[in-house]
Amino acid sequence: MIDIIITLLMSLPLIVLGSTIGPDSAINFGSRIPKAKLKSEEGLKRLRRIKIALILAGSFILVGGFACLAFHWEDYQLVVILIPEIAAIVYMLLQLYKIEKKGKGLLVLMLSIIVILGVLLLIGTLPITATDNNTTIRNDTLFIKGSYAKEIPISSIIYIKGNAIVPPIEMRTNGISFGAYNVGHFRTKDGKDILLYLHSDETNVTHIKTRENEDIYINFKDSARSVDFTNKLKESYIHQSTSSKTSIFRECLL
């Protein structure tokens, strides 16, 4: 749902702006561009190019964004949205500069800001995949840190399976996907909501099921750590189960 909203918010304003822009529009480029320049032959030609560029960029984002969702190409959705958006804005500024024929310093400044903001947005949106899954077992509790952090008491776990197969994913409902990095809430093709903490598509995956009917899949970028995690979790689970049974037995004796 979030991906649909983002696609609409990034595409529709470009299409609307492109459809309405014209010689009677109030356009500023440092200062308001005179109507005479906008209505000149050169101005009309540049405005027509701006109109086409904005509508094409908005349409490409709209179609491309929904195509990424339909064909499960979420990894490319950010690129599909940002590149046409930035290209259309840069092209519009260049055309306005050619109409106004002044404000070269302003043009350079605006283009620099757009490029910097685009790069920062890319960096800020992409997940930090260089670090591995920060998951520990302590005090009979499984601590999953980082994005979508979660604490799971070992006593609430009813099923643990190593070398598990992640079911086919239908959509990301509230999470992050970038290549092999998949963290957050996802929905399978069978309509089941699951939690993923996957950092690699080449290492052992541990499947955990809790009493709250949660299905959680965890792995690490490090292969040895992925296998070791399954074993440690099973040991903690067995220890917890044994401790619980011993406590119940003692209570019965008393």
Protein backbone atom coordinates (compact mmCIF):
# COMPACT_ATOMS: atom_id res chain seq x y z
CA MET A 1 0.00 0.00 0.00
CA ILE A 2 2.85 2.38 0.89
CA ASP A 3 4.55 1.68 -2.45
CA ILE A 4 1.33 2.55 -4.32
CA ILE A 5 0.96 5.84 -2.43
CA ILE A 6 4.60 6.80 -3.10
CA THR A 7 4.23 6.01 -6.80
CA LEU A 8 1.09 8.16 -7.06
CA LEU A 9 2.60 11.05 -5.08
CA MET A 10 5.69 11.12 -7.29
CA SER A 11 3.96 10.69 -10.66
CA LEU A 12 0.63 12.53 -10.59
CA PRO A 13 2.02 16.00 -9.65
CA LEU A 14 4.38 15.84 -12.67
CA ILE A 15 1.53 14.89 -15.00
CA VAL A 16 -0.76 17.63 -13.61
CA LEU A 17 2.00 20.26 -13.74
CA GLY A 18 2.92 19.28 -17.28
CA SER A 19 -0.73 19.43 -18.37
CA THR A 20 -1.32 22.90 -16.93
CA ILE A 21 1.96 24.68 -17.66
CA GLY A 22 1.73 27.34 -20.37
CA PRO A 23 2.55 30.93 -21.34
CA ASP A 24 0.01 32.28 -18.84
CA SER A 25 1.52 30.34 -15.94
CA ALA A 26 3.30 32.25 -13.18
CA ILE A 27 6.83 30.85 -13.60
CA ASN A 28 9.75 31.96 -11.45
CA PHE A 29 13.41 31.50 -12.24
CA GLY A 30 15.06 33.62 -9.60
CA SER A 31 12.48 36.24 -10.52
CA ARG A 32 9.22 35.93 -12.39
CA ILE A 33 9.78 35.38 -16.11
CA PRO A 34 7.96 38.11 -18.11
CA LYS A 35 4.86 36.99 -20.02
CA ALA A 36 6.34 38.44 -23.19
CA LYS A 37 9.24 36.00 -23.05
CA LEU A 38 6.95 33.08 -22.30
CA LYS A 39 4.67 33.96 -25.24
CA SER A 40 7.51 34.49 -27.66
CA GLU A 41 8.25 31.85 -30.28
CA GLU A 42 11.28 30.69 -28.30
CA GLY A 43 9.31 30.68 -25.05
CA LEU A 44 6.42 28.66 -26.48
CA LYS A 45 8.87 26.11 -27.90
CA ARG A 46 10.64 25.70 -24.57
CA LEU A 47 7.37 25.47 -22.63
CA ARG A 48 6.12 22.79 -25.00
CA ARG A 49 9.28 20.78 -24.37
CA ILE A 50 8.84 21.20 -20.61
CA LYS A 51 5.21 20.06 -20.86
CA ILE A 52 6.17 16.91 -22.78
CA ALA A 53 9.08 16.14 -20.44
CA LEU A 54 6.98 16.44 -17.28
CA ILE A 55 4.09 14.37 -18.64
CA LEU A 56 6.44 11.68 -19.97
CA ALA A 57 8.37 11.52 -16.68
CA GLY A 58 5.15 11.30 -14.64
CA SER A 59 3.71 8.63 -16.93
CA PHE A 60 6.94 6.61 -16.84
CA ILE A 61 6.99 6.72 -13.02
CA LEU A 62 3.30 5.76 -12.85
CA VAL A 63 3.56 2.84 -15.27
CA GLY A 64 7.02 1.75 -14.12
CA GLY A 65 6.10 1.93 -10.43
CA PHE A 66 3.04 -0.28 -10.86
CA ALA A 67 5.00 -2.63 -13.14
CA CYS A 68 7.57 -3.09 -10.37
CA LEU A 69 4.78 -4.00 -7.96
CA ALA A 70 3.02 -6.30 -10.42
CA PHE A 71 6.16 -8.22 -11.40
CA HIS A 72 7.77 -8.07 -7.93
CA TRP A 73 10.66 -5.88 -9.05
CA GLU A 74 10.68 -3.89 -5.80
CA ASP A 75 14.48 -3.63 -5.93
CA TYR A 76 14.21 -1.34 -8.98
CA GLN A 77 11.28 0.78 -7.82
CA LEU A 78 13.41 3.52 -6.28
CA VAL A 79 15.44 3.89 -9.50
CA VAL A 80 12.27 3.92 -11.62
CA ILE A 81 10.90 6.78 -9.51
CA LEU A 82 13.97 8.93 -8.87
CA ILE A 83 15.75 8.98 -12.22
CA PRO A 84 12.78 10.27 -14.34
CA GLU A 85 11.88 12.75 -11.58
CA ILE A 86 15.37 14.24 -11.39
CA ALA A 87 15.84 14.17 -15.18
CA ALA A 88 12.54 16.01 -15.76
CA ILE A 89 13.33 18.72 -13.18
CA VAL A 90 16.86 19.25 -14.52
CA TYR A 91 15.54 19.43 -18.10
CA MET A 92 12.85 21.93 -17.03
CA LEU A 93 15.43 24.18 -15.36
CA LEU A 94 17.64 24.12 -18.46
CA GLN A 95 14.71 25.10 -20.69
CA LEU A 96 13.68 27.92 -18.32
CA TYR A 97 17.26 29.17 -18.35
CA LYS A 98 17.20 29.30 -22.15
CA ILE A 99 13.98 31.33 -22.01
CA GLU A 100 15.22 33.79 -19.40
CA LYS A 101 18.85 33.78 -20.70
CA LYS A 102 20.15 34.98 -17.36
CA GLY A 103 20.72 33.63 -13.88
CA LYS A 104 23.48 31.21 -14.80
CA GLY A 105 24.73 31.15 -11.21
CA LEU A 106 21.21 30.36 -9.98
CA LEU A 107 20.92 27.54 -12.52
CA VAL A 108 24.17 25.95 -11.38
CA LEU A 109 23.10 26.26 -7.73
CA MET A 110 19.68 24.73 -8.33
CA LEU A 111 21.07 21.86 -10.40
CA SER A 112 23.70 21.15 -7.73
CA ILE A 113 21.05 21.09 -5.00
CA ILE A 114 18.85 18.71 -7.00
CA VAL A 115 21.71 16.29 -7.68
CA ILE A 116 22.86 16.37 -4.04
CA LEU A 117 19.32 15.83 -2.73
CA GLY A 118 18.83 12.95 -5.17
CA VAL A 119 22.04 11.25 -4.03
CA LEU A 120 21.17 11.80 -0.35
CA LEU A 121 17.69 10.37 -0.92
CA LEU A 122 19.16 7.28 -2.56
CA ILE A 123 21.63 6.79 0.29
CA GLY A 124 19.00 7.42 2.95
CA THR A 125 16.44 5.09 1.41
CA LEU A 126 18.69 2.12 0.68
CA PRO A 127 19.11 -0.29 3.60
CA ILE A 128 22.49 -0.60 5.26
CA THR A 129 23.42 -4.01 3.91
CA ALA A 130 27.09 -3.90 4.83
CA THR A 131 26.36 -5.02 8.41
CA ASP A 132 25.08 -8.45 9.34
CA ASN A 133 21.95 -9.37 11.26
CA ASN A 134 22.27 -8.18 14.87
CA THR A 135 20.49 -11.01 16.69
CA THR A 136 21.41 -12.43 20.10
CA ILE A 137 20.03 -14.94 22.62
CA ARG A 138 20.22 -13.74 26.21
CA ASN A 139 18.30 -14.44 29.42
CA ASP A 140 16.01 -16.95 27.69
CA THR A 141 15.01 -14.29 25.17
CA LEU A 142 15.76 -13.87 21.48
CA PHE A 143 16.67 -10.24 20.74
CA ILE A 144 16.43 -9.13 17.12
CA LYS A 145 17.93 -5.64 16.89
CA GLY A 146 18.03 -3.03 14.14
CA SER A 147 15.19 -2.37 11.72
CA TYR A 148 11.91 -3.92 12.90
CA ALA A 149 13.49 -4.90 16.22
CA LYS A 150 11.74 -7.63 18.17
CA GLU A 151 12.09 -9.54 21.44
CA ILE A 152 10.86 -13.14 21.52
CA PRO A 153 10.80 -15.09 24.80
CA ILE A 154 12.18 -18.57 24.18
CA SER A 155 9.18 -19.93 26.11
CA SER A 156 6.86 -18.54 23.42
CA ILE A 157 8.59 -20.50 20.63
CA ILE A 158 6.87 -23.74 19.58
CA TYR A 159 8.81 -24.62 16.41
CA ILE A 160 12.37 -24.22 15.14
CA LYS A 161 13.66 -25.48 11.80
CA GLY A 162 17.07 -24.96 10.27
CA ASN A 163 17.78 -24.93 6.53
CA ALA A 164 14.21 -23.75 6.04
CA ILE A 165 12.72 -22.62 2.73
CA VAL A 166 11.15 -19.17 2.66
CA PRO A 167 7.69 -19.38 1.08
CA PRO A 168 7.04 -17.43 -2.16
CA ILE A 169 6.42 -13.79 -1.34
CA GLU A 170 3.41 -11.98 -2.80
CA MET A 171 4.14 -8.50 -1.48
CA ARG A 172 5.99 -6.41 1.08
CA THR A 173 3.43 -4.95 3.51
CA ASN A 174 5.79 -2.99 5.76
CA GLY A 175 9.45 -3.67 5.26
CA ILE A 176 12.63 -3.12 3.30
CA SER A 177 13.78 -5.06 0.23
CA PHE A 178 17.04 -4.61 -1.61
CA GLY A 179 18.47 -7.61 -3.39
CA ALA A 180 19.05 -10.38 -0.84
CA TYR A 181 18.25 -7.99 2.02
CA ASN A 182 14.63 -8.47 3.11
CA VAL A 183 13.61 -7.23 6.54
CA GLY A 184 10.15 -6.52 7.92
CA HIS A 185 6.58 -7.61 7.31
CA PHE A 186 5.76 -9.55 4.14
CA ARG A 187 2.81 -11.51 2.79
CA THR A 188 3.17 -14.87 1.08
CA LYS A 189 1.31 -15.96 -2.04
CA ASP A 190 -0.87 -18.06 0.26
CA GLY A 191 -2.00 -14.88 1.99
CA LYS A 192 -0.04 -15.46 5.22
CA ASP A 193 1.73 -12.59 6.97
CA ILE A 194 5.32 -13.39 7.97
CA LEU A 195 8.34 -11.60 9.40
CA LEU A 196 11.63 -11.72 7.52
CA TYR A 197 15.11 -10.91 8.81
CA LEU A 198 17.06 -12.13 5.80
CA HIS A 199 20.51 -10.78 4.95
CA SER A 200 21.58 -13.30 2.31
CA ASP A 201 20.06 -15.66 -0.23
CA GLU A 202 22.95 -18.14 0.06
CA THR A 203 23.04 -19.01 3.79
CA ASN A 204 21.00 -21.21 6.11
CA VAL A 205 17.56 -19.84 7.04
CA THR A 206 16.00 -20.52 10.45
CA HIS A 207 12.21 -20.72 10.62
CA ILE A 208 10.65 -19.86 13.99
CA LYS A 209 6.99 -20.23 14.91
CA THR A 210 5.59 -18.74 18.13
CA ARG A 211 2.49 -19.37 20.25
CA GLU A 212 1.10 -16.12 18.81
CA ASN A 213 1.07 -17.84 15.41
CA GLU A 214 3.96 -15.72 14.12
CA ASP A 215 6.19 -17.11 11.39
CA ILE A 216 9.69 -15.63 11.46
CA TYR A 217 12.57 -16.36 9.09
CA ILE A 218 16.11 -15.34 10.06
CA ASN A 219 19.54 -15.70 8.53
CA PHE A 220 22.92 -13.97 8.43
CA LYS A 221 25.37 -12.96 5.73
CA ASP A 222 27.94 -15.20 7.41
CA SER A 223 27.24 -18.86 6.58
CA ALA A 224 28.81 -20.30 9.75
CA ARG A 225 26.91 -17.85 11.92
CA SER A 226 23.62 -18.80 10.24
CA VAL A 227 24.12 -22.49 11.08
CA ASP A 228 25.41 -21.71 14.58
CA PHE A 229 22.35 -19.56 15.30
CA THR A 230 19.97 -22.45 14.61
CA ASN A 231 21.91 -24.75 16.93
CA LYS A 232 22.12 -22.19 19.74
CA LEU A 233 18.43 -21.39 19.47
CA LYS A 234 17.52 -25.09 19.66
CA GLU A 235 19.79 -25.51 22.70
CA SER A 236 18.09 -22.56 24.42
CA TYR A 237 14.69 -23.97 23.51
CA ILE A 238 15.54 -27.41 24.94
CA HIS A 239 17.02 -25.84 28.09
CA GLN A 240 13.93 -23.69 28.55
CA SER A 241 11.61 -26.66 28.06
CA THR A 242 13.61 -28.80 30.50
CA SER A 243 13.65 -26.01 33.10
CA SER A 244 9.90 -25.54 32.79
CA LYS A 245 9.21 -29.27 33.19
CA THR A 246 11.54 -29.44 36.22
CA SER A 247 9.74 -26.51 37.84
CA ILE A 248 6.36 -28.12 37.29
CA PHE A 249 7.64 -31.44 38.72
CA ARG A 250 8.95 -29.69 41.83
CA GLU A 251 5.65 -27.89 42.33
CA CYS A 252 3.83 -31.24 42.12
CA LEU A 253 6.15 -32.70 44.80
CA LEU A 254 5.45 -29.78 47.09
